Amino acid sequence: MKNMKLSLIALMVLGTFAYAGGDLTVVTPYEEEDVKLAEEAYVEPEPAPEPVAEEVVPEPVVATPKPMKDIKANGFYAGLGISATRYKTNCSCPSSPKSGTDKSAGVMARVGYDFNKYIGIEARGITTNWKSDGGKVEHAGLFVKPMLPVNDKTNLYGLIGMAKTKTKGNLQTTNTDSLALGAGVEVDLSKDTPKEGRYNRPFDGQGDQEKGLGLFADYERMVVKSGAPDLDAVSAGVTYDF
């Protein structure tokens, strides 16, 4: 009887628990182990990396070139100096008053144009006023002027042309048109340098061809002609290049 009462009480407790929503499922040890293993195996996912902004590289700024300025190189020059001349007659009669040698001095002028640093053209004239034996020389000619620059300051040149030469005095006189030859050197005294721009011809930059003052010295055989008297001139002076 006592056991029956206990059984009834147990049934009432179970019914009340079930009515209150209790879970009467039996949990085995294997199920608890599986849950534990699943929890240990679970790895929390790492957060996604934040997007990195791309670095913007600015395009290089290209400077607009300045327009080239036209620069006209001027090859004109003019010079003034002194000349010493020697006039030796070719008379075969030693006793004749028309034979002998005369030395005189005077002034010379030159103007020209250098087409480039290798070739130019020049007109020059010589007249002597100081004389030792009564002679006087007048000389004028037009010459082709080949040039050879030695460095930025020095220029060698030649003279090949036709000239009119006339002498006066007590010695044998001469009045002739003939070939004339010469050679000389020019030295630049200026500090002219190329400017930024476009030249109408390549900037010479060598020899005595920049704008400014220079010096010159040369020798000229004024008459190159068979049977003519010897007529020589040595000249030196100042040149200005425009």
C-alpha atoms as a PDB file:
ATOM      1  CA  MET A   1       0.000   0.000   0.000  1.00  0.00           C
ATOM      2  CA  LYS A   2       2.831   2.258   0.959  1.00  0.00           C
ATOM      3  CA  ASN A   3       4.568   1.605  -2.383  1.00  0.00           C
ATOM      4  CA  MET A   4       1.437   2.444  -4.254  1.00  0.00           C
ATOM      5  CA  LYS A   5       1.246   5.824  -2.545  1.00  0.00           C
ATOM      6  CA  LEU A   6       4.826   6.558  -3.459  1.00  0.00           C
ATOM      7  CA  SER A   7       4.116   5.638  -7.044  1.00  0.00           C
ATOM      8  CA  LEU A   8       1.137   7.978  -7.164  1.00  0.00           C
ATOM      9  CA  ILE A   9       3.149  10.833  -5.689  1.00  0.00           C
ATOM     10  CA  ALA A  10       5.888  10.264  -8.282  1.00  0.00           C
ATOM     11  CA  LEU A  11       3.393  10.301 -11.108  1.00  0.00           C
ATOM     12  CA  MET A  12       1.912  13.533  -9.838  1.00  0.00           C
ATOM     13  CA  VAL A  13       5.353  15.230  -9.645  1.00  0.00           C
ATOM     14  CA  LEU A  14       6.259  14.111 -13.162  1.00  0.00           C
ATOM     15  CA  GLY A  15       2.928  15.260 -14.504  1.00  0.00           C
ATOM     16  CA  THR A  16       3.323  18.663 -12.896  1.00  0.00           C
ATOM     17  CA  PHE A  17       6.883  19.014 -14.348  1.00  0.00           C
ATOM     18  CA  ALA A  18       5.713  17.996 -17.795  1.00  0.00           C
ATOM     19  CA  TYR A  19       2.782  20.401 -17.596  1.00  0.00           C
ATOM     20  CA  ALA A  20       5.209  23.235 -16.716  1.00  0.00           C
ATOM     21  CA  GLY A  21       7.152  22.605 -19.988  1.00  0.00           C
ATOM     22  CA  GLY A  22      10.131  20.622 -18.635  1.00  0.00           C
ATOM     23  CA  ASP A  23      12.305  18.488 -20.962  1.00  0.00           C
ATOM     24  CA  LEU A  24      12.268  14.870 -19.907  1.00  0.00           C
ATOM     25  CA  THR A  25      14.744  13.781 -22.683  1.00  0.00           C
ATOM     26  CA  VAL A  26      17.659  11.858 -21.296  1.00  0.00           C
ATOM     27  CA  VAL A  27      21.077  13.397 -22.328  1.00  0.00           C
ATOM     28  CA  THR A  28      23.740  10.748 -22.794  1.00  0.00           C
ATOM     29  CA  PRO A  29      27.460  11.358 -22.124  1.00  0.00           C
ATOM     30  CA  TYR A  30      28.210  10.876 -25.845  1.00  0.00           C
ATOM     31  CA  GLU A  31      26.044  13.817 -26.813  1.00  0.00           C
ATOM     32  CA  GLU A  32      27.747  16.049 -24.251  1.00  0.00           C
ATOM     33  CA  GLU A  33      31.169  15.092 -25.680  1.00  0.00           C
ATOM     34  CA  ASP A  34      30.049  15.905 -29.241  1.00  0.00           C
ATOM     35  CA  VAL A  35      28.869  19.372 -28.197  1.00  0.00           C
ATOM     36  CA  LYS A  36      32.156  20.043 -26.423  1.00  0.00           C
ATOM     37  CA  LEU A  37      34.201  18.962 -29.463  1.00  0.00           C
ATOM     38  CA  ALA A  38      32.077  21.145 -31.765  1.00  0.00           C
ATOM     39  CA  GLU A  39      32.636  24.159 -29.517  1.00  0.00           C
ATOM     40  CA  GLU A  40      36.407  23.575 -29.480  1.00  0.00           C
ATOM     41  CA  ALA A  41      36.559  23.141 -33.279  1.00  0.00           C
ATOM     42  CA  TYR A  42      34.677  26.370 -33.962  1.00  0.00           C
ATOM     43  CA  VAL A  43      36.967  29.176 -35.105  1.00  0.00           C
ATOM     44  CA  GLU A  44      35.619  32.663 -35.146  1.00  0.00           C
ATOM     45  CA  PRO A  45      36.153  34.139 -38.638  1.00  0.00           C
ATOM     46  CA  GLU A  46      38.630  37.043 -38.903  1.00  0.00           C
ATOM     47  CA  PRO A  47      37.129  40.386 -39.845  1.00  0.00           C
ATOM     48  CA  ALA A  48      37.522  41.343 -43.504  1.00  0.00           C
ATOM     49  CA  PRO A  49      40.450  43.804 -44.119  1.00  0.00           C
ATOM     50  CA  GLU A  50      39.488  47.367 -44.709  1.00  0.00           C
ATOM     51  CA  PRO A  51      39.920  48.438 -48.367  1.00  0.00           C
ATOM     52  CA  VAL A  52      43.171  50.353 -49.049  1.00  0.00           C
ATOM     53  CA  ALA A  53      42.735  53.495 -51.073  1.00  0.00           C
ATOM     54  CA  GLU A  54      44.878  53.520 -54.237  1.00  0.00           C
ATOM     55  CA  GLU A  55      47.600  56.167 -54.304  1.00  0.00           C
ATOM     56  CA  VAL A  56      46.897  58.706 -57.016  1.00  0.00           C
ATOM     57  CA  VAL A  57      50.105  59.643 -58.862  1.00  0.00           C
ATOM     58  CA  PRO A  58      49.788  63.095 -60.429  1.00  0.00           C
ATOM     59  CA  GLU A  59      50.706  63.354 -64.081  1.00  0.00           C
ATOM     60  CA  PRO A  60      53.996  65.197 -64.689  1.00  0.00           C
ATOM     61  CA  VAL A  61      53.572  68.803 -65.717  1.00  0.00           C
ATOM     62  CA  VAL A  62      55.304  69.414 -69.033  1.00  0.00           C
ATOM     63  CA  ALA A  63      56.502  72.992 -69.407  1.00  0.00           C
ATOM     64  CA  THR A  64      55.607  74.597 -72.704  1.00  0.00           C
ATOM     65  CA  PRO A  65      58.870  75.577 -74.441  1.00  0.00           C
ATOM     66  CA  LYS A  66      59.338  79.252 -75.106  1.00  0.00           C
ATOM     67  CA  PRO A  67      59.340  80.210 -78.770  1.00  0.00           C
ATOM     68  CA  MET A  68      62.859  80.600 -80.141  1.00  0.00           C
ATOM     69  CA  LYS A  69      63.866  84.174 -80.880  1.00  0.00           C
ATOM     70  CA  ASP A  70      65.460  84.814 -84.254  1.00  0.00           C
ATOM     71  CA  ILE A  71      68.962  86.251 -83.881  1.00  0.00           C
ATOM     72  CA  LYS A  72      70.756  87.558 -86.922  1.00  0.00           C
ATOM     73  CA  ALA A  73      74.518  87.140 -86.740  1.00  0.00           C
ATOM     74  CA  ASN A  74      76.366  90.042 -88.354  1.00  0.00           C
ATOM     75  CA  GLY A  75      79.561  89.251 -90.225  1.00  0.00           C
ATOM     76  CA  PHE A  76      80.559  92.846 -91.065  1.00  0.00           C
ATOM     77  CA  TYR A  77      83.757  94.336 -89.702  1.00  0.00           C
ATOM     78  CA  ALA A  78      85.950  97.385 -90.255  1.00  0.00           C
ATOM     79  CA  GLY A  79      89.516  98.142 -89.292  1.00  0.00           C
ATOM     80  CA  LEU A  80      92.088 100.918 -89.240  1.00  0.00           C
ATOM     81  CA  GLY A  81      95.844 100.655 -88.850  1.00  0.00           C
ATOM     82  CA  ILE A  82      99.292 101.716 -89.980  1.00  0.00           C
ATOM     83  CA  SER A  83     101.383 100.272 -92.800  1.00  0.00           C
ATOM     84  CA  ALA A  84     105.076 100.169 -93.547  1.00  0.00           C
ATOM     85  CA  THR A  85     105.894  99.632 -97.225  1.00  0.00           C
ATOM     86  CA  ARG A  86     109.029  98.685 -99.088  1.00  0.00           C
ATOM     87  CA  TYR A  87     109.412  99.609-102.747  1.00  0.00           C
ATOM     88  CA  LYS A  88     112.347  98.084-104.617  1.00  0.00           C
ATOM     89  CA  THR A  89     112.758  98.868-108.302  1.00  0.00           C
ATOM     90  CA  ASN A  90     113.807  96.247-110.851  1.00  0.00           C
ATOM     91  CA  CYS A  91     115.904  98.613-112.978  1.00  0.00           C
ATOM     92  CA  SER A  92     119.134  96.937-114.205  1.00  0.00           C
ATOM     93  CA  CYS A  93     121.033 100.230-114.359  1.00  0.00           C
ATOM     94  CA  PRO A  94     122.663 100.881-110.952  1.00  0.00           C
ATOM     95  CA  SER A  95     123.698 104.424-111.921  1.00  0.00           C
ATOM     96  CA  SER A  96     120.203 105.400-112.971  1.00  0.00           C
ATOM     97  CA  PRO A  97     118.330 107.689-110.583  1.00  0.00           C
ATOM     98  CA  LYS A  98     115.296 105.591-111.287  1.00  0.00           C
ATOM     99  CA  SER A  99     116.646 102.536-109.454  1.00  0.00           C
ATOM    100  CA  GLY A 100     116.863 101.823-105.766  1.00  0.00           C
ATOM    101  CA  THR A 101     114.786 100.976-102.701  1.00  0.00           C
ATOM    102  CA  ASP A 102     112.354 103.209-100.912  1.00  0.00           C
ATOM    103  CA  LYS A 103     110.646 102.680 -97.555  1.00  0.00           C
ATOM    104  CA  SER A 104     107.586 104.610 -96.522  1.00  0.00           C
ATOM    105  CA  ALA A 105     104.803 104.494 -93.968  1.00  0.00           C
ATOM    106  CA  GLY A 106     101.164 105.453 -93.924  1.00  0.00           C
ATOM    107  CA  VAL A 107      97.664 104.397 -92.988  1.00  0.00           C
ATOM    108  CA  MET A 108      95.510 101.499 -94.107  1.00  0.00           C
ATOM    109  CA  ALA A 109      91.787 100.781 -93.871  1.00  0.00           C
ATOM    110  CA  ARG A 110      89.857  97.536 -94.284  1.00  0.00           C
ATOM    111  CA  VAL A 111      86.196  96.568 -94.423  1.00  0.00           C
ATOM    112  CA  GLY A 112      84.811  93.096 -94.940  1.00  0.00           C
ATOM    113  CA  TYR A 113      82.190  90.468 -94.351  1.00  0.00           C
ATOM    114  CA  ASP A 114      82.748  86.963 -92.938  1.00  0.00           C
ATOM    115  CA  PHE A 115      80.212  84.555 -94.439  1.00  0.00           C
ATOM    116  CA  ASN A 116      81.196  81.988 -91.805  1.00  0.00           C
ATOM    117  CA  LYS A 117      84.299  81.144 -89.795  1.00  0.00           C
ATOM    118  CA  TYR A 118      86.102  79.791 -92.881  1.00  0.00           C
ATOM    119  CA  ILE A 119      85.523  82.292 -95.699  1.00  0.00           C
ATOM    120  CA  GLY A 120      84.988  86.009 -96.091  1.00  0.00           C
ATOM    121  CA  ILE A 121      85.540  88.931 -98.428  1.00  0.00           C
ATOM    122  CA  GLU A 122      87.522  92.100 -97.776  1.00  0.00           C
ATOM    123  CA  ALA A 123      88.262  95.444 -99.413  1.00  0.00           C
ATOM    124  CA  ARG A 124      91.346  97.336 -98.250  1.00  0.00           C
ATOM    125  CA  GLY A 125      93.412 100.342 -99.135  1.00  0.00           C
ATOM    126  CA  ILE A 126      96.879 101.689 -98.244  1.00  0.00           C
ATOM    127  CA  THR A 127      98.340 105.149 -98.738  1.00  0.00           C
ATOM    128  CA  THR A 128     101.776 106.243 -97.528  1.00  0.00           C
ATOM    129  CA  ASN A 129     102.598 109.788 -96.475  1.00  0.00           C
ATOM    130  CA  TRP A 130     105.884 109.410 -94.607  1.00  0.00           C
ATOM    131  CA  LYS A 131     108.688 108.667 -97.037  1.00  0.00           C
ATOM    132  CA  SER A 132     112.432 108.236 -96.882  1.00  0.00           C
ATOM    133  CA  ASP A 133     113.444 108.627-100.514  1.00  0.00           C
ATOM    134  CA  GLY A 134     110.716 110.635-102.154  1.00  0.00           C
ATOM    135  CA  GLY A 135     108.452 107.678-102.931  1.00  0.00           C
ATOM    136  CA  LYS A 136     104.735 107.340-102.248  1.00  0.00           C
ATOM    137  CA  VAL A 137     102.494 104.273-102.592  1.00  0.00           C
ATOM    138  CA  GLU A 138      98.744 104.108-103.184  1.00  0.00           C
ATOM    139  CA  HIS A 139      97.102 100.697-103.148  1.00  0.00           C
ATOM    140  CA  ALA A 140      93.480  99.443-103.125  1.00  0.00           C
ATOM    141  CA  GLY A 141      92.077  95.980-103.729  1.00  0.00           C
ATOM    142  CA  LEU A 142      89.266  93.490-103.266  1.00  0.00           C
ATOM    143  CA  PHE A 143      90.138  90.106-101.757  1.00  0.00           C
ATOM    144  CA  VAL A 144      88.709  86.694-101.024  1.00  0.00           C
ATOM    145  CA  LYS A 145      89.594  85.902 -97.396  1.00  0.00           C
ATOM    146  CA  PRO A 146      89.994  82.206 -96.463  1.00  0.00           C
ATOM    147  CA  MET A 147      90.200  81.737 -92.670  1.00  0.00           C
ATOM    148  CA  LEU A 148      91.343  79.111 -90.188  1.00  0.00           C
ATOM    149  CA  PRO A 149      90.218  79.543 -86.542  1.00  0.00           C
ATOM    150  CA  VAL A 150      92.998  78.533 -84.128  1.00  0.00           C
ATOM    151  CA  ASN A 151      90.861  78.896 -80.990  1.00  0.00           C
ATOM    152  CA  ASP A 152      88.006  81.058 -79.662  1.00  0.00           C
ATOM    153  CA  LYS A 153      90.191  84.173 -79.791  1.00  0.00           C
ATOM    154  CA  THR A 154      92.647  83.730 -82.678  1.00  0.00           C
ATOM    155  CA  ASN A 155      92.070  83.498 -86.406  1.00  0.00           C
ATOM    156  CA  LEU A 156      94.550  82.992 -89.254  1.00  0.00           C
ATOM    157  CA  TYR A 157      93.563  84.321 -92.665  1.00  0.00           C
ATOM    158  CA  GLY A 158      94.789  84.677 -96.226  1.00  0.00           C
ATOM    159  CA  LEU A 159      94.153  87.312 -98.904  1.00  0.00           C
ATOM    160  CA  ILE A 160      93.756  86.531-102.604  1.00  0.00           C
ATOM    161  CA  GLY A 161      92.502  89.256-104.915  1.00  0.00           C
ATOM    162  CA  MET A 162      93.010  91.971-107.504  1.00  0.00           C
ATOM    163  CA  ALA A 163      94.421  95.392-106.643  1.00  0.00           C
ATOM    164  CA  LYS A 164      95.309  98.732-108.177  1.00  0.00           C
ATOM    165  CA  THR A 165      98.796  99.924-107.177  1.00  0.00           C
ATOM    166  CA  LYS A 166     100.412 103.243-108.001  1.00  0.00           C
ATOM    167  CA  THR A 167     103.746 104.744-106.962  1.00  0.00           C
ATOM    168  CA  LYS A 168     105.079 108.312-107.150  1.00  0.00           C
ATOM    169  CA  GLY A 169     108.500 109.791-106.536  1.00  0.00           C
ATOM    170  CA  ASN A 170     112.014 109.854-107.844  1.00  0.00           C
ATOM    171  CA  LEU A 171     112.305 106.086-108.339  1.00  0.00           C
ATOM    172  CA  GLN A 172     110.906 103.974-111.125  1.00  0.00           C
ATOM    173  CA  THR A 173     107.146 104.472-111.008  1.00  0.00           C
ATOM    174  CA  THR A 174     104.461 101.822-111.166  1.00  0.00           C
ATOM    175  CA  ASN A 175     100.799 102.081-112.158  1.00  0.00           C
ATOM    176  CA  THR A 176      99.218  98.651-112.574  1.00  0.00           C
ATOM    177  CA  ASP A 177      96.275  96.369-111.930  1.00  0.00           C
ATOM    178  CA  SER A 178      97.501  92.990-110.788  1.00  0.00           C
ATOM    179  CA  LEU A 179      97.095  90.001-108.555  1.00  0.00           C
ATOM    180  CA  ALA A 180      97.803  90.641-104.859  1.00  0.00           C
ATOM    181  CA  LEU A 181      98.384  88.129-102.070  1.00  0.00           C
ATOM    182  CA  GLY A 182      98.617  88.330 -98.299  1.00  0.00           C
ATOM    183  CA  ALA A 183      98.318  86.528 -94.967  1.00  0.00           C
ATOM    184  CA  GLY A 184      97.643  87.634 -91.417  1.00  0.00           C
ATOM    185  CA  VAL A 185      96.305  86.937 -87.950  1.00  0.00           C
ATOM    186  CA  GLU A 186      93.341  88.361 -85.986  1.00  0.00           C
ATOM    187  CA  VAL A 187      92.913  88.295 -82.202  1.00  0.00           C
ATOM    188  CA  ASP A 188      89.556  88.891 -80.525  1.00  0.00           C
ATOM    189  CA  LEU A 189      89.448  91.234 -77.505  1.00  0.00           C
ATOM    190  CA  SER A 190      85.698  91.016 -76.822  1.00  0.00           C
ATOM    191  CA  LYS A 191      83.783  88.790 -74.387  1.00  0.00           C
ATOM    192  CA  ASP A 192      80.773  88.267 -76.593  1.00  0.00           C
ATOM    193  CA  THR A 193      78.952  84.939 -76.012  1.00  0.00           C
ATOM    194  CA  PRO A 194      76.128  83.161 -77.871  1.00  0.00           C
ATOM    195  CA  LYS A 195      72.618  84.271 -76.943  1.00  0.00           C
ATOM    196  CA  GLU A 196      69.606  81.973 -76.533  1.00  0.00           C
ATOM    197  CA  GLY A 197      67.775  81.813 -79.808  1.00  0.00           C
ATOM    198  CA  ARG A 198      67.846  80.627 -83.407  1.00  0.00           C
ATOM    199  CA  TYR A 199      70.679  82.082 -85.493  1.00  0.00           C
ATOM    200  CA  ASN A 200      70.342  82.768 -89.188  1.00  0.00           C
ATOM    201  CA  ARG A 201      73.701  81.013 -89.525  1.00  0.00           C
ATOM    202  CA  PRO A 202      75.632  78.862 -87.023  1.00  0.00           C
ATOM    203  CA  PHE A 203      77.200  81.089 -84.368  1.00  0.00           C
ATOM    204  CA  ASP A 204      80.862  81.308 -85.238  1.00  0.00           C
ATOM    205  CA  GLY A 205      82.230  81.491 -81.716  1.00  0.00           C
ATOM    206  CA  GLN A 206      85.778  81.154 -82.980  1.00  0.00           C
ATOM    207  CA  GLY A 207      88.372  83.491 -84.322  1.00  0.00           C
ATOM    208  CA  ASP A 208      87.944  87.253 -84.408  1.00  0.00           C
ATOM    209  CA  GLN A 209      84.264  87.224 -85.365  1.00  0.00           C
ATOM    210  CA  GLU A 210      82.267  88.118 -82.245  1.00  0.00           C
ATOM    211  CA  LYS A 211      80.909  91.613 -81.755  1.00  0.00           C
ATOM    212  CA  GLY A 212      83.550  93.946 -80.345  1.00  0.00           C
ATOM    213  CA  LEU A 213      87.151  95.032 -80.741  1.00  0.00           C
ATOM    214  CA  GLY A 214      90.050  92.988 -82.034  1.00  0.00           C
ATOM    215  CA  LEU A 215      93.623  93.342 -83.253  1.00  0.00           C
ATOM    216  CA  PHE A 216      95.105  92.344 -86.602  1.00  0.00           C
ATOM    217  CA  ALA A 217      98.519  92.134 -88.262  1.00  0.00           C
ATOM    218  CA  ASP A 218      99.282  91.007 -91.812  1.00  0.00           C
ATOM    219  CA  TYR A 219     101.703  90.989 -94.714  1.00  0.00           C
ATOM    220  CA  GLU A 220     100.761  91.757 -98.317  1.00  0.00           C
ATOM    221  CA  ARG A 221     102.569  91.470-101.607  1.00  0.00           C
ATOM    222  CA  MET A 222     100.836  94.333-103.395  1.00  0.00           C
ATOM    223  CA  VAL A 223     101.947  93.470-106.941  1.00  0.00           C
ATOM    224  CA  VAL A 224     102.303  89.859-108.096  1.00  0.00           C
ATOM    225  CA  LYS A 225     103.333  90.296-111.697  1.00  0.00           C
ATOM    226  CA  SER A 226     106.294  89.283-113.825  1.00  0.00           C
ATOM    227  CA  GLY A 227     108.863  92.095-114.240  1.00  0.00           C
ATOM    228  CA  ALA A 228     107.122  94.354-111.691  1.00  0.00           C
ATOM    229  CA  PRO A 229     109.017  96.092-108.861  1.00  0.00           C
ATOM    230  CA  ASP A 230     108.864  94.508-105.423  1.00  0.00           C
ATOM    231  CA  LEU A 231     106.095  96.164-103.450  1.00  0.00           C
ATOM    232  CA  ASP A 232     105.499  94.799 -99.934  1.00  0.00           C
ATOM    233  CA  ALA A 233     103.441  96.069 -97.008  1.00  0.00           C
ATOM    234  CA  VAL A 234     103.269  95.094 -93.337  1.00  0.00           C
ATOM    235  CA  SER A 235     100.180  96.399 -91.550  1.00  0.00           C
ATOM    236  CA  ALA A 236      98.780  96.292 -88.002  1.00  0.00           C
ATOM    237  CA  GLY A 237      95.782  97.872 -86.342  1.00  0.00           C
ATOM    238  CA  VAL A 238      92.420  97.598 -84.642  1.00  0.00           C
ATOM    239  CA  THR A 239      89.296  95.919 -85.986  1.00  0.00           C
ATOM    240  CA  TYR A 240      85.689  96.289 -84.862  1.00  0.00           C
ATOM    241  CA  ASP A 241      83.255  93.438 -85.560  1.00  0.00           C
ATOM    242  CA  PHE A 242      79.596  94.510 -85.815  1.00  0.00           C
END
